Amino acid sequence: MVNARTYPLWRELAMSEDLPKEALKTVIEALCTPATTPDGFDARADRWREEALKEALPALLARTSAKRLRSRLLVHADEKTLAALAADGTVTAADVPAILRHRRAWAGLISALARHPGQVEAAIALLPRLPQHEVEQVVRDWDPDRYTRTKGAVPAPPVPPELFDAVLEACLTPLAAYLLHPEPKEGWEEVSAFSKDWSLELGDLAGWAMLARCPERWAQLTAHPVFGAAVQHLLLDQAETQALEDARLRAADPDGEELPADPALALSEELLLACLPALCLPELADLPNPQVTARRTLHHIANRVRNNPRLAELAADQLHAAADALVTRGQLLTWSDKQESDHEFDGRVRRLAEDLALLSANPDHLAGACAQLARLDPPAVVSPTPSRTLIRVLDNVDPDRDRPARLLERHYEHRRVQALTAVVANSHTPRTAVADVLNGLHPAELAWIAEKAAAPTGSWPRRPPSRCPKTRTTVWCGWWTTRNSASTPTRRPFCSPGSTPPPPVRSSPAPRSTVPS
């Protein structure tokens, strides 16, 4: 039993260069034995012992070569201390078995071991011991002092190419394996709704984080015999989105450059062509529950085209064929009545219409999307009763607050007509199908169309219909012919269908104050 007051002396003795080699065992035993008293364990004294051992540990490990004594010391070191000692070379690959007897492998230890050229292979051999979500941290945390390093300190060495390649392959392997066997595991129906969505499997953030560090190798990796498909999927899903996000972050920096009007593209045309085999997700064509998986696949492809607009021209025929196949296989245009507990029904119909507007060239499918939009519930907004007080307060702030189009957007009731405009922008959409939908639109939706037609927009159709029935479809002609007009429609009070429009309200001056000055 060691006197607790003597722990500082044991620490000084352990750190002394004059300590005989024969006394190492005694010093290690004194500093590694828990502090006790005749009454039992002494927590306060043991804290003093731990502090003394932590300060003396580097010196003791540097002078101790016996495996048993080193193991005794390594048990008492925490992960941060072990990683720092491994980076200094005090802890080596020979100590890894002793460390793993009491701890699991962690990314910091692998990074620290790989700093020394002779231990890179040993560090790579530890990668399979890491949980999948920690593998990328080996490269991410390669330089733990990058934010605290002083100006004159020596920078960290570069990541060894062998370690980088091993981490890259380890991060791409789960997605590559999933693409080979995408069928869900047994009992997947009992898991939560988020786990049922296979598209989450394609959002491999670790794989993309590694790819983003080596853009000069993308062309080579897209042709890799094992990981090529996984790389193509990640580039289509993440590259342009990440490039735009990086540009916005640089623009948000007070000392950074302004966001350019036309940011640089992350993928060249050659890279896009190399990624075309993965564009339409052929690996997921035979998944069970086709009505759900076909809808999600179509939406996933549409998002890729939105992120990479050049694909609409480079792969037009491929996209049209994929859209037709998915609509047919999943019977996506077969109408099913809305269930009371299905709160996502309207969103699914709107997304399907927008995706078909972007990908399809089939007039029947586009007409079916228009018909589904027409069967959705109309907006339920009602214009508020004119208020003299509210007019005085808001007239100078937002005079258009109660216009029908603004009222519709404020209540998020414009999404149906917004999806319709996307379908109309497709030149293959039958005009008769659009006219049928317009005849059943809410007056506020027609006002929304008229207001959007007055603003210059690059996506409106270029030709009006040849015939305009004398119904609400007349708005359709005005929509097409006035889309580039600089004039705006006259503001009129909006009321719900069937009600009498309120009389015009003139704002009166505020009452004079009667409070004495």
Protein backbone atom coordinates (compact mmCIF):
# COMPACT_ATOMS: atom_id res chain seq x y z
CA MET A 1 0.00 0.00 0.00
CA VAL A 2 1.42 3.36 -1.13
CA ASN A 3 1.04 6.51 0.92
CA ALA A 4 -1.12 8.90 -1.07
CA ARG A 5 1.14 11.85 -0.19
CA THR A 6 4.05 10.21 -1.97
CA TYR A 7 2.47 10.03 -5.47
CA PRO A 8 4.18 13.26 -6.61
CA LEU A 9 7.49 11.73 -5.55
CA TRP A 10 6.76 8.54 -7.53
CA ARG A 11 5.92 10.71 -10.53
CA GLU A 12 9.22 12.61 -10.29
CA LEU A 13 11.06 9.33 -9.87
CA ALA A 14 9.39 7.83 -12.97
CA MET A 15 10.30 10.87 -15.08
CA SER A 16 13.89 11.01 -13.85
CA GLU A 17 16.57 10.00 -16.34
CA ASP A 18 18.69 8.59 -13.49
CA LEU A 19 16.10 5.95 -12.58
CA PRO A 20 17.77 2.51 -12.73
CA LYS A 21 16.23 0.02 -15.11
CA GLU A 22 15.81 -2.45 -12.25
CA ALA A 23 13.53 0.01 -10.42
CA LEU A 24 11.06 0.39 -13.33
CA LYS A 25 8.95 -2.54 -12.20
CA THR A 26 8.57 -1.12 -8.68
CA VAL A 27 7.67 2.36 -9.94
CA ILE A 28 5.12 0.97 -12.41
CA GLU A 29 3.58 -1.21 -9.71
CA ALA A 30 3.26 1.77 -7.37
CA LEU A 31 1.62 4.02 -9.95
CA CYS A 32 -0.69 1.37 -11.44
CA THR A 33 -2.05 -0.07 -8.19
CA PRO A 34 -5.35 1.53 -7.06
CA ALA A 35 -5.05 3.60 -3.87
CA THR A 36 -6.45 1.95 -0.78
CA THR A 37 -6.67 2.54 2.95
CA PRO A 38 -7.26 0.09 5.81
CA ASP A 39 -10.96 0.91 5.37
CA GLY A 40 -11.03 0.17 1.62
CA PHE A 41 -10.73 2.08 -1.66
CA ASP A 42 -9.65 5.72 -1.41
CA ALA A 43 -11.24 7.65 -4.31
CA ARG A 44 -9.47 10.93 -3.55
CA ALA A 45 -6.03 9.39 -3.35
CA ASP A 46 -6.70 7.37 -6.49
CA ARG A 47 -7.33 10.57 -8.44
CA TRP A 48 -3.91 11.78 -7.35
CA ARG A 49 -2.43 8.47 -8.51
CA GLU A 50 -4.11 8.76 -11.92
CA GLU A 51 -2.82 12.31 -12.41
CA ALA A 52 0.71 11.25 -11.50
CA LEU A 53 0.55 8.23 -13.83
CA LYS A 54 -0.81 10.30 -16.73
CA GLU A 55 2.14 12.69 -16.53
CA ALA A 56 4.71 9.91 -16.16
CA LEU A 57 3.22 7.55 -18.75
CA PRO A 58 5.21 8.77 -21.83
CA ALA A 59 8.51 8.48 -19.97
CA LEU A 60 7.68 5.04 -18.58
CA LEU A 61 6.60 3.65 -21.96
CA ALA A 62 9.70 5.07 -23.62
CA ARG A 63 11.95 3.19 -21.17
CA THR A 64 9.96 -0.03 -20.84
CA SER A 65 10.34 -2.86 -23.36
CA ALA A 66 8.86 -5.79 -21.48
CA LYS A 67 5.44 -6.68 -22.93
CA ARG A 68 3.88 -7.40 -19.55
CA LEU A 69 4.91 -4.06 -18.07
CA ARG A 70 3.87 -2.17 -21.19
CA SER A 71 0.48 -3.87 -21.11
CA ARG A 72 0.10 -2.82 -17.50
CA LEU A 73 0.74 0.79 -18.48
CA LEU A 74 -1.42 0.78 -21.64
CA VAL A 75 -4.49 -0.31 -19.68
CA HIS A 76 -4.47 2.97 -17.75
CA ALA A 77 -4.22 5.29 -20.78
CA ASP A 78 -7.28 6.81 -22.44
CA GLU A 79 -7.89 6.89 -26.21
CA LYS A 80 -6.62 10.42 -26.72
CA THR A 81 -3.38 9.71 -24.85
CA LEU A 82 -2.80 6.45 -26.74
CA ALA A 83 -3.35 8.16 -30.09
CA ALA A 84 -0.90 10.94 -29.19
CA LEU A 85 1.70 8.41 -28.06
CA ALA A 86 1.21 6.40 -31.25
CA ALA A 87 1.71 9.54 -33.34
CA ASP A 88 4.96 10.22 -31.46
CA GLY A 89 6.13 6.67 -31.99
CA THR A 90 6.08 5.75 -28.31
CA VAL A 91 3.22 3.30 -28.88
CA THR A 92 3.84 1.05 -31.88
CA ALA A 93 2.02 -1.62 -33.85
CA ALA A 94 3.48 -4.23 -31.47
CA ASP A 95 1.35 -2.72 -28.68
CA VAL A 96 -1.92 -3.03 -30.64
CA PRO A 97 -2.80 -6.56 -29.37
CA ALA A 98 -2.44 -5.37 -25.77
CA ILE A 99 -4.61 -2.33 -26.48
CA LEU A 100 -7.31 -4.33 -28.24
CA ARG A 101 -7.61 -6.70 -25.30
CA HIS A 102 -9.24 -3.90 -23.33
CA ARG A 103 -10.56 -1.48 -26.01
CA ARG A 104 -12.09 -1.64 -29.45
CA ALA A 105 -10.24 -0.11 -32.38
CA TRP A 106 -10.91 3.56 -33.11
CA ALA A 107 -10.09 5.86 -36.00
CA GLY A 108 -7.60 8.02 -34.09
CA LEU A 109 -5.37 5.05 -33.28
CA ILE A 110 -5.27 3.93 -36.93
CA SER A 111 -4.43 7.44 -38.13
CA ALA A 112 -1.66 7.78 -35.54
CA LEU A 113 -0.08 4.42 -36.40
CA ALA A 114 -0.15 5.18 -40.14
CA ARG A 115 1.95 8.33 -39.64
CA HIS A 116 5.00 6.06 -39.56
CA PRO A 117 5.84 4.40 -42.90
CA GLY A 118 6.63 1.03 -41.37
CA GLN A 119 3.20 0.76 -39.73
CA VAL A 120 0.89 1.64 -42.63
CA GLU A 121 0.11 -2.00 -43.38
CA ALA A 122 -0.67 -2.69 -39.73
CA ALA A 123 -2.98 0.33 -39.65
CA ILE A 124 -4.81 -0.81 -42.81
CA ALA A 125 -5.30 -4.24 -41.22
CA LEU A 126 -7.28 -2.57 -38.42
CA LEU A 127 -9.86 -0.95 -40.76
CA PRO A 128 -12.24 -3.99 -40.76
CA ARG A 129 -12.45 -3.67 -36.96
CA LEU A 130 -14.02 -0.21 -37.19
CA PRO A 131 -17.78 0.36 -37.38
CA GLN A 132 -18.77 1.36 -40.89
CA HIS A 133 -19.64 4.94 -39.94
CA GLU A 134 -16.17 5.51 -38.42
CA VAL A 135 -14.01 4.36 -41.33
CA GLU A 136 -14.01 7.74 -43.08
CA GLN A 137 -12.85 9.40 -39.84
CA VAL A 138 -9.42 7.85 -40.34
CA VAL A 139 -8.80 10.38 -43.14
CA ARG A 140 -11.04 13.15 -41.81
CA ASP A 141 -9.21 13.24 -38.43
CA TRP A 142 -5.77 12.66 -39.90
CA ASP A 143 -4.58 16.00 -38.52
CA PRO A 144 -6.28 16.42 -35.11
CA ASP A 145 -4.26 19.60 -34.37
CA ARG A 146 -5.16 21.43 -37.59
CA TYR A 147 -7.21 24.03 -35.68
CA THR A 148 -4.90 24.40 -32.67
CA ARG A 149 -1.45 24.17 -34.26
CA THR A 150 0.74 27.19 -33.68
CA LYS A 151 2.26 29.14 -36.53
CA GLY A 152 5.78 27.69 -36.31
CA ALA A 153 4.79 24.06 -35.58
CA VAL A 154 5.61 21.27 -37.99
CA PRO A 155 2.56 20.37 -40.14
CA ALA A 156 1.17 16.86 -40.25
CA PRO A 157 2.52 14.57 -42.98
CA PRO A 158 0.25 13.81 -45.96
CA VAL A 159 -2.06 10.80 -45.86
CA PRO A 160 -0.24 7.74 -47.26
CA PRO A 161 -1.74 6.78 -50.65
CA GLU A 162 -2.11 3.16 -49.54
CA LEU A 163 -4.20 4.19 -46.53
CA PHE A 164 -6.32 6.59 -48.60
CA ASP A 165 -7.09 3.89 -51.16
CA ALA A 166 -7.95 1.39 -48.44
CA VAL A 167 -10.34 3.83 -46.73
CA LEU A 168 -11.89 4.76 -50.08
CA GLU A 169 -12.56 1.11 -50.94
CA ALA A 170 -13.94 0.43 -47.45
CA CYS A 171 -16.36 3.37 -47.79
CA LEU A 172 -17.53 2.37 -51.28
CA THR A 173 -17.92 -1.34 -50.51
CA PRO A 174 -21.35 -1.15 -48.75
CA LEU A 175 -22.96 0.71 -51.66
CA ALA A 176 -21.32 -1.56 -54.24
CA ALA A 177 -22.57 -4.62 -52.36
CA TYR A 178 -26.07 -3.16 -52.08
CA LEU A 179 -26.23 -2.51 -55.82
CA LEU A 180 -25.40 -6.17 -56.45
CA HIS A 181 -28.16 -7.40 -54.12
CA PRO A 182 -30.68 -4.60 -53.50
CA GLU A 183 -33.48 -6.88 -52.29
CA PRO A 184 -34.64 -5.95 -48.78
CA LYS A 185 -33.86 -8.32 -45.97
CA GLU A 186 -36.45 -10.65 -44.48
CA GLY A 187 -38.82 -8.89 -42.12
CA TRP A 188 -38.21 -5.42 -43.59
CA GLU A 189 -41.94 -4.66 -43.49
CA GLU A 190 -41.80 -4.56 -39.70
CA VAL A 191 -39.18 -1.80 -39.65
CA SER A 192 -40.02 1.89 -39.63
CA ALA A 193 -41.10 3.69 -42.78
CA PHE A 194 -37.69 5.36 -43.11
CA SER A 195 -35.88 2.03 -43.31
CA LYS A 196 -38.28 0.84 -46.02
CA ASP A 197 -37.04 3.54 -48.37
CA TRP A 198 -34.23 1.99 -50.37
CA SER A 199 -33.14 5.40 -51.62
CA LEU A 200 -31.52 6.02 -48.23
CA GLU A 201 -29.04 3.29 -49.13
CA LEU A 202 -27.78 5.40 -52.05
CA GLY A 203 -27.05 8.38 -49.81
CA ASP A 204 -23.70 6.98 -48.66
CA LEU A 205 -22.19 10.08 -47.08
CA ALA A 206 -18.91 8.38 -46.16
CA GLY A 207 -18.36 7.21 -49.73
CA TRP A 208 -19.07 10.67 -51.12
CA ALA A 209 -16.85 12.32 -48.48
CA MET A 210 -13.93 10.24 -49.74
CA LEU A 211 -14.75 10.86 -53.40
CA ALA A 212 -14.93 14.60 -52.82
CA ARG A 213 -11.27 14.52 -51.70
CA CYS A 214 -10.02 13.14 -55.02
CA PRO A 215 -11.90 14.80 -57.93
CA GLU A 216 -8.91 14.20 -60.19
CA ARG A 217 -9.61 10.45 -59.96
CA TRP A 218 -13.33 10.51 -60.78
CA ALA A 219 -12.87 9.65 -64.44
CA GLN A 220 -10.74 6.67 -63.49
CA LEU A 221 -13.05 5.47 -60.73
CA THR A 222 -16.21 5.56 -62.88
CA ALA A 223 -14.63 2.79 -64.97
CA HIS A 224 -13.54 0.68 -61.98
CA PRO A 225 -14.71 -2.94 -62.45
CA VAL A 226 -15.97 -3.27 -58.85
CA PHE A 227 -16.77 0.22 -57.58
CA GLY A 228 -17.60 1.93 -60.89
CA ALA A 229 -21.39 1.74 -60.49
CA ALA A 230 -21.24 3.03 -56.91
CA VAL A 231 -19.06 5.96 -57.99
CA GLN A 232 -21.44 6.83 -60.83
CA HIS A 233 -24.44 6.89 -58.50
CA LEU A 234 -22.65 9.09 -55.96
CA LEU A 235 -21.45 11.56 -58.58
CA LEU A 236 -24.93 11.95 -60.07
CA ASP A 237 -26.52 12.45 -56.66
CA GLN A 238 -23.94 14.57 -54.85
CA ALA A 239 -21.37 16.31 -57.07
CA GLU A 240 -23.34 19.30 -58.36
CA THR A 241 -25.23 19.75 -55.09
CA GLN A 242 -21.97 19.86 -53.13
CA ALA A 243 -20.35 22.27 -55.59
CA LEU A 244 -23.27 24.69 -55.25
CA GLU A 245 -23.23 24.39 -51.46
CA ASP A 246 -19.48 25.09 -51.35
CA ALA A 247 -19.98 28.17 -53.55
CA ARG A 248 -22.70 29.46 -51.22
CA LEU A 249 -20.51 28.92 -48.16
CA ARG A 250 -17.67 30.85 -49.77
CA ALA A 251 -20.07 33.65 -50.66
CA ALA A 252 -21.40 33.75 -47.09
CA ASP A 253 -17.88 34.32 -45.74
CA PRO A 254 -17.38 38.07 -45.09
CA ASP A 255 -13.95 37.84 -46.71
CA GLY A 256 -15.05 35.44 -49.43
CA GLU A 257 -15.93 36.01 -53.02
CA GLU A 258 -19.44 36.72 -54.25
CA LEU A 259 -21.58 33.87 -55.51
CA PRO A 260 -21.17 33.84 -59.31
CA ALA A 261 -24.29 33.98 -61.44
CA ASP A 262 -23.19 30.81 -63.22
CA PRO A 263 -21.19 28.63 -60.76
CA ALA A 264 -18.62 26.26 -62.18
CA LEU A 265 -19.93 22.78 -62.91
CA ALA A 266 -18.51 19.91 -60.91
CA LEU A 267 -19.01 17.29 -63.64
CA SER A 268 -17.74 17.73 -67.15
CA GLU A 269 -19.72 16.44 -70.10
CA GLU A 270 -17.34 13.50 -70.38
CA LEU A 271 -18.00 12.55 -66.76
CA LEU A 272 -21.77 12.84 -67.26
CA LEU A 273 -21.54 10.53 -70.24
CA ALA A 274 -19.50 8.09 -68.18
CA CYS A 275 -22.22 8.11 -65.50
CA LEU A 276 -25.13 7.48 -67.88
CA PRO A 277 -25.21 3.69 -67.23
CA ALA A 278 -26.30 4.43 -63.64
CA LEU A 279 -28.65 7.33 -64.45
CA CYS A 280 -31.93 5.38 -64.43
CA LEU A 281 -31.05 3.07 -61.52
CA PRO A 282 -31.13 -0.22 -63.46
CA GLU A 283 -30.04 -2.19 -60.37
CA LEU A 284 -33.37 -1.36 -58.66
CA ALA A 285 -35.67 -2.29 -61.52
CA ASP A 286 -36.89 -5.57 -60.00
CA LEU A 287 -37.48 -4.57 -56.40
CA PRO A 288 -40.66 -5.89 -54.75
CA ASN A 289 -43.71 -3.68 -54.18
CA PRO A 290 -43.42 -2.08 -57.65
CA GLN A 291 -46.01 0.65 -57.05
CA VAL A 292 -43.90 2.16 -54.25
CA THR A 293 -40.43 1.48 -55.65
CA ALA A 294 -41.32 2.68 -59.15
CA ARG A 295 -42.63 5.98 -57.78
CA ARG A 296 -39.50 6.51 -55.68
CA THR A 297 -37.22 5.51 -58.53
CA LEU A 298 -38.92 8.00 -60.84
CA HIS A 299 -38.54 10.74 -58.24
CA HIS A 300 -34.89 9.86 -57.71
CA ILE A 301 -34.17 10.08 -61.43
CA ALA A 302 -36.01 13.40 -61.65
CA ASN A 303 -33.90 14.83 -58.83
CA ARG A 304 -30.77 13.79 -60.69
CA VAL A 305 -31.95 15.68 -63.76
CA ARG A 306 -32.76 18.74 -61.65
CA ASN A 307 -29.26 18.65 -60.17
CA ASN A 308 -27.67 18.04 -63.58
CA PRO A 309 -29.89 19.81 -66.18
CA ARG A 310 -27.57 18.82 -69.03
CA LEU A 311 -28.80 15.24 -68.66
CA ALA A 312 -32.12 16.25 -70.21
CA GLU A 313 -30.34 16.63 -73.55
CA LEU A 314 -27.54 14.08 -73.19
CA ALA A 315 -29.88 11.23 -72.22
CA ALA A 316 -33.31 12.31 -73.48
CA ASP A 317 -34.23 8.96 -75.06
CA GLN A 318 -32.98 7.04 -72.02
CA LEU A 319 -35.00 9.19 -69.64
CA HIS A 320 -38.18 8.93 -71.72
CA ALA A 321 -37.90 5.14 -71.90
CA ALA A 322 -37.24 4.83 -68.17
CA ALA A 323 -40.22 7.03 -67.30
CA ASP A 324 -42.54 5.01 -69.51
CA ALA A 325 -41.29 1.73 -68.05
CA LEU A 326 -41.69 2.90 -64.45
CA VAL A 327 -45.20 4.27 -65.02
CA THR A 328 -46.24 1.00 -66.65
CA ARG A 329 -44.61 -1.31 -64.11
CA GLY A 330 -45.85 0.57 -61.07
CA GLN A 331 -49.25 1.49 -62.54
CA LEU A 332 -48.56 4.98 -61.28
CA LEU A 333 -51.46 6.60 -63.13
CA THR A 334 -54.07 4.23 -61.74
CA TRP A 335 -56.21 6.33 -59.42
CA SER A 336 -56.86 5.13 -55.89
CA ASP A 337 -59.13 6.92 -53.46
CA LYS A 338 -57.49 8.90 -50.71
CA GLN A 339 -57.58 7.25 -47.28
CA GLU A 340 -58.43 9.31 -44.25
CA SER A 341 -55.09 8.60 -42.54
CA ASP A 342 -52.99 9.09 -45.70
CA HIS A 343 -51.63 12.59 -45.22
CA GLU A 344 -49.05 12.23 -48.02
CA PHE A 345 -51.55 11.45 -50.79
CA ASP A 346 -51.66 14.94 -52.34
CA GLY A 347 -47.89 15.26 -52.18
CA ARG A 348 -47.39 11.98 -54.02
CA VAL A 349 -49.73 13.04 -56.82
CA ARG A 350 -48.03 16.43 -57.18
CA ARG A 351 -44.53 14.92 -57.18
CA LEU A 352 -45.55 12.36 -59.78
CA ALA A 353 -46.90 15.09 -62.05
CA GLU A 354 -43.75 17.19 -61.68
CA ASP A 355 -41.48 14.19 -62.29
CA LEU A 356 -43.40 13.17 -65.41
CA ALA A 357 -43.32 16.76 -66.65
CA LEU A 358 -39.53 16.63 -66.46
CA LEU A 359 -38.89 13.10 -67.76
CA SER A 360 -41.78 11.93 -69.94
CA ALA A 361 -42.55 12.44 -73.61
CA ASN A 362 -45.63 10.25 -73.58
CA PRO A 363 -48.81 12.33 -74.19
CA ASP A 364 -51.02 9.73 -72.54
CA HIS A 365 -48.96 9.73 -69.36
CA LEU A 366 -48.86 13.51 -69.25
CA ALA A 367 -52.61 13.66 -69.77
CA GLY A 368 -53.03 11.16 -66.94
CA ALA A 369 -50.94 13.39 -64.68
CA CYS A 370 -53.22 16.33 -65.53
CA ALA A 371 -56.29 14.21 -64.74
CA GLN A 372 -54.86 13.22 -61.35
CA LEU A 373 -54.12 16.84 -60.49
CA ALA A 374 -57.71 17.75 -61.39
CA ARG A 375 -59.05 15.18 -58.91
CA LEU A 376 -57.16 16.63 -55.95
CA ASP A 377 -59.05 18.72 -53.42
CA PRO A 378 -59.35 22.37 -54.53
CA PRO A 379 -57.98 25.16 -52.33
CA ALA A 380 -60.06 26.11 -49.33
CA VAL A 381 -58.80 29.68 -48.89
CA VAL A 382 -61.24 32.55 -48.44
CA SER A 383 -60.29 36.18 -48.81
CA PRO A 384 -60.42 37.96 -45.45
CA THR A 385 -62.98 40.68 -44.87
CA PRO A 386 -61.49 44.08 -45.70
CA SER A 387 -60.38 45.91 -42.58
CA ARG A 388 -59.69 49.65 -42.48
CA THR A 389 -57.27 49.23 -39.60
CA LEU A 390 -55.37 46.40 -41.31
CA ILE A 391 -55.16 48.41 -44.53
CA ARG A 392 -53.61 51.34 -42.67
CA VAL A 393 -51.07 49.05 -40.97
CA LEU A 394 -50.08 46.87 -43.91
CA ASP A 395 -50.61 49.10 -46.93
CA ASN A 396 -47.08 50.48 -46.83
CA VAL A 397 -45.52 47.14 -45.88
CA ASP A 398 -47.11 44.73 -48.33
CA PRO A 399 -49.96 46.21 -50.39
CA ASP A 400 -50.41 42.89 -52.25
CA ARG A 401 -50.86 40.79 -49.15
CA ASP A 402 -54.48 39.82 -49.86
CA ARG A 403 -54.25 39.36 -53.59
CA PRO A 404 -55.62 35.95 -54.58
CA ALA A 405 -52.26 34.58 -55.74
CA ARG A 406 -50.46 35.79 -52.61
CA LEU A 407 -53.24 34.46 -50.41
CA LEU A 408 -52.94 31.09 -52.11
CA GLU A 409 -49.19 30.94 -51.59
CA ARG A 410 -49.42 32.07 -48.00
CA HIS A 411 -51.62 29.07 -47.20
CA TYR A 412 -49.51 26.67 -49.34
CA GLU A 413 -52.54 26.03 -51.53
CA HIS A 414 -50.77 26.91 -54.80
CA ARG A 415 -48.92 23.63 -55.14
CA ARG A 416 -51.54 21.93 -57.29
CA VAL A 417 -51.56 24.67 -59.92
CA GLN A 418 -47.78 24.92 -59.64
CA ALA A 419 -47.50 21.24 -60.57
CA LEU A 420 -49.90 21.86 -63.43
CA THR A 421 -47.66 24.60 -64.82
CA ALA A 422 -44.76 22.15 -64.79
CA VAL A 423 -46.80 19.66 -66.83
CA VAL A 424 -47.92 22.37 -69.23
CA ALA A 425 -44.30 23.38 -69.83
CA ASN A 426 -43.71 19.97 -71.41
CA SER A 427 -44.30 20.34 -75.14
CA HIS A 428 -45.77 16.81 -75.36
CA THR A 429 -48.69 17.57 -73.03
CA PRO A 430 -52.04 17.39 -74.90
CA ARG A 431 -53.78 20.77 -74.93
CA THR A 432 -57.19 19.25 -74.50
CA ALA A 433 -56.10 17.61 -71.24
CA VAL A 434 -54.87 20.93 -69.90
CA ALA A 435 -58.10 22.66 -70.97
CA ASP A 436 -60.15 20.11 -69.05
CA VAL A 437 -58.15 20.80 -65.91
CA LEU A 438 -58.45 24.57 -66.27
CA ASN A 439 -62.22 24.31 -66.41
CA GLY A 440 -62.22 22.91 -62.88
CA LEU A 441 -59.68 25.18 -61.26
CA HIS A 442 -60.45 27.42 -58.30
CA PRO A 443 -60.69 31.16 -59.16
CA ALA A 444 -57.68 31.86 -56.98
CA GLU A 445 -55.66 29.32 -58.97
CA LEU A 446 -56.64 31.07 -62.18
CA ALA A 447 -55.51 34.35 -60.61
CA TRP A 448 -52.22 32.67 -59.70
CA ILE A 449 -51.75 31.60 -63.33
CA ALA A 450 -52.52 35.11 -64.57
CA GLU A 451 -50.05 36.67 -62.19
CA LYS A 452 -47.28 34.24 -63.10
CA ALA A 453 -47.97 34.81 -66.78
CA ALA A 454 -47.30 38.52 -66.35
CA ALA A 455 -43.81 37.81 -65.02
CA PRO A 456 -41.10 36.83 -67.55
CA THR A 457 -40.50 33.12 -67.18
CA GLY A 458 -38.32 30.87 -69.29
CA SER A 459 -40.37 27.74 -68.82
CA TRP A 460 -43.78 28.73 -70.21
CA PRO A 461 -44.95 27.03 -73.43
CA ARG A 462 -44.24 29.04 -76.56
CA ARG A 463 -47.50 28.57 -78.47
CA PRO A 464 -51.10 29.09 -77.38
CA PRO A 465 -53.69 26.44 -78.12
CA SER A 466 -55.29 26.63 -81.55
CA ARG A 467 -58.76 26.75 -80.03
CA CYS A 468 -59.90 28.41 -76.85
CA PRO A 469 -63.37 27.42 -75.64
CA LYS A 470 -65.41 30.22 -74.14
CA THR A 471 -64.95 28.99 -70.58
CA ARG A 472 -62.30 29.40 -67.96
CA THR A 473 -59.89 28.15 -70.59
CA THR A 474 -59.82 31.72 -71.90
CA VAL A 475 -57.40 32.39 -69.05
CA TRP A 476 -55.19 29.78 -70.69
CA CYS A 477 -54.88 31.92 -73.84
CA GLY A 478 -54.08 34.99 -71.81
CA TRP A 479 -51.56 32.96 -69.86
CA TRP A 480 -49.71 32.02 -73.02
CA THR A 481 -49.98 35.30 -74.88
CA THR A 482 -49.13 37.64 -72.00
CA ARG A 483 -46.36 35.62 -70.39
CA ASN A 484 -43.72 38.13 -71.54
CA SER A 485 -45.91 41.20 -71.08
CA ALA A 486 -44.71 43.86 -68.69
CA SER A 487 -48.23 44.77 -67.60
CA THR A 488 -49.72 43.27 -64.47
CA PRO A 489 -53.34 42.28 -63.98
CA THR A 490 -55.63 44.72 -62.25
CA ARG A 491 -56.00 44.08 -58.56
CA ARG A 492 -59.46 43.16 -57.50
CA PRO A 493 -60.81 42.00 -54.16
CA PHE A 494 -60.99 38.23 -54.09
CA CYS A 495 -63.94 36.29 -52.74
CA SER A 496 -64.86 32.67 -52.60
CA PRO A 497 -66.98 31.19 -55.43
CA GLY A 498 -70.65 32.14 -55.22
CA SER A 499 -70.21 35.08 -52.86
CA THR A 500 -70.66 38.77 -53.62
CA PRO A 501 -67.48 40.80 -54.01
CA PRO A 502 -67.07 43.36 -51.23
CA PRO A 503 -67.23 47.05 -52.14
CA PRO A 504 -63.96 48.87 -52.58
CA VAL A 505 -62.53 50.10 -49.31
CA ARG A 506 -60.90 53.49 -49.07
CA SER A 507 -58.43 53.92 -46.31
CA SER A 508 -59.41 56.74 -43.97
CA PRO A 509 -56.94 58.86 -42.07
CA ALA A 510 -56.13 57.76 -38.60
CA PRO A 511 -58.22 59.45 -35.86
CA ARG A 512 -56.63 62.52 -34.36
CA SER A 513 -55.12 61.90 -30.98
CA THR A 514 -56.96 63.46 -28.03
CA VAL A 515 -54.11 63.05 -25.57
CA PRO A 516 -52.90 66.52 -24.45
CA SER A 517 -49.32 67.26 -25.43
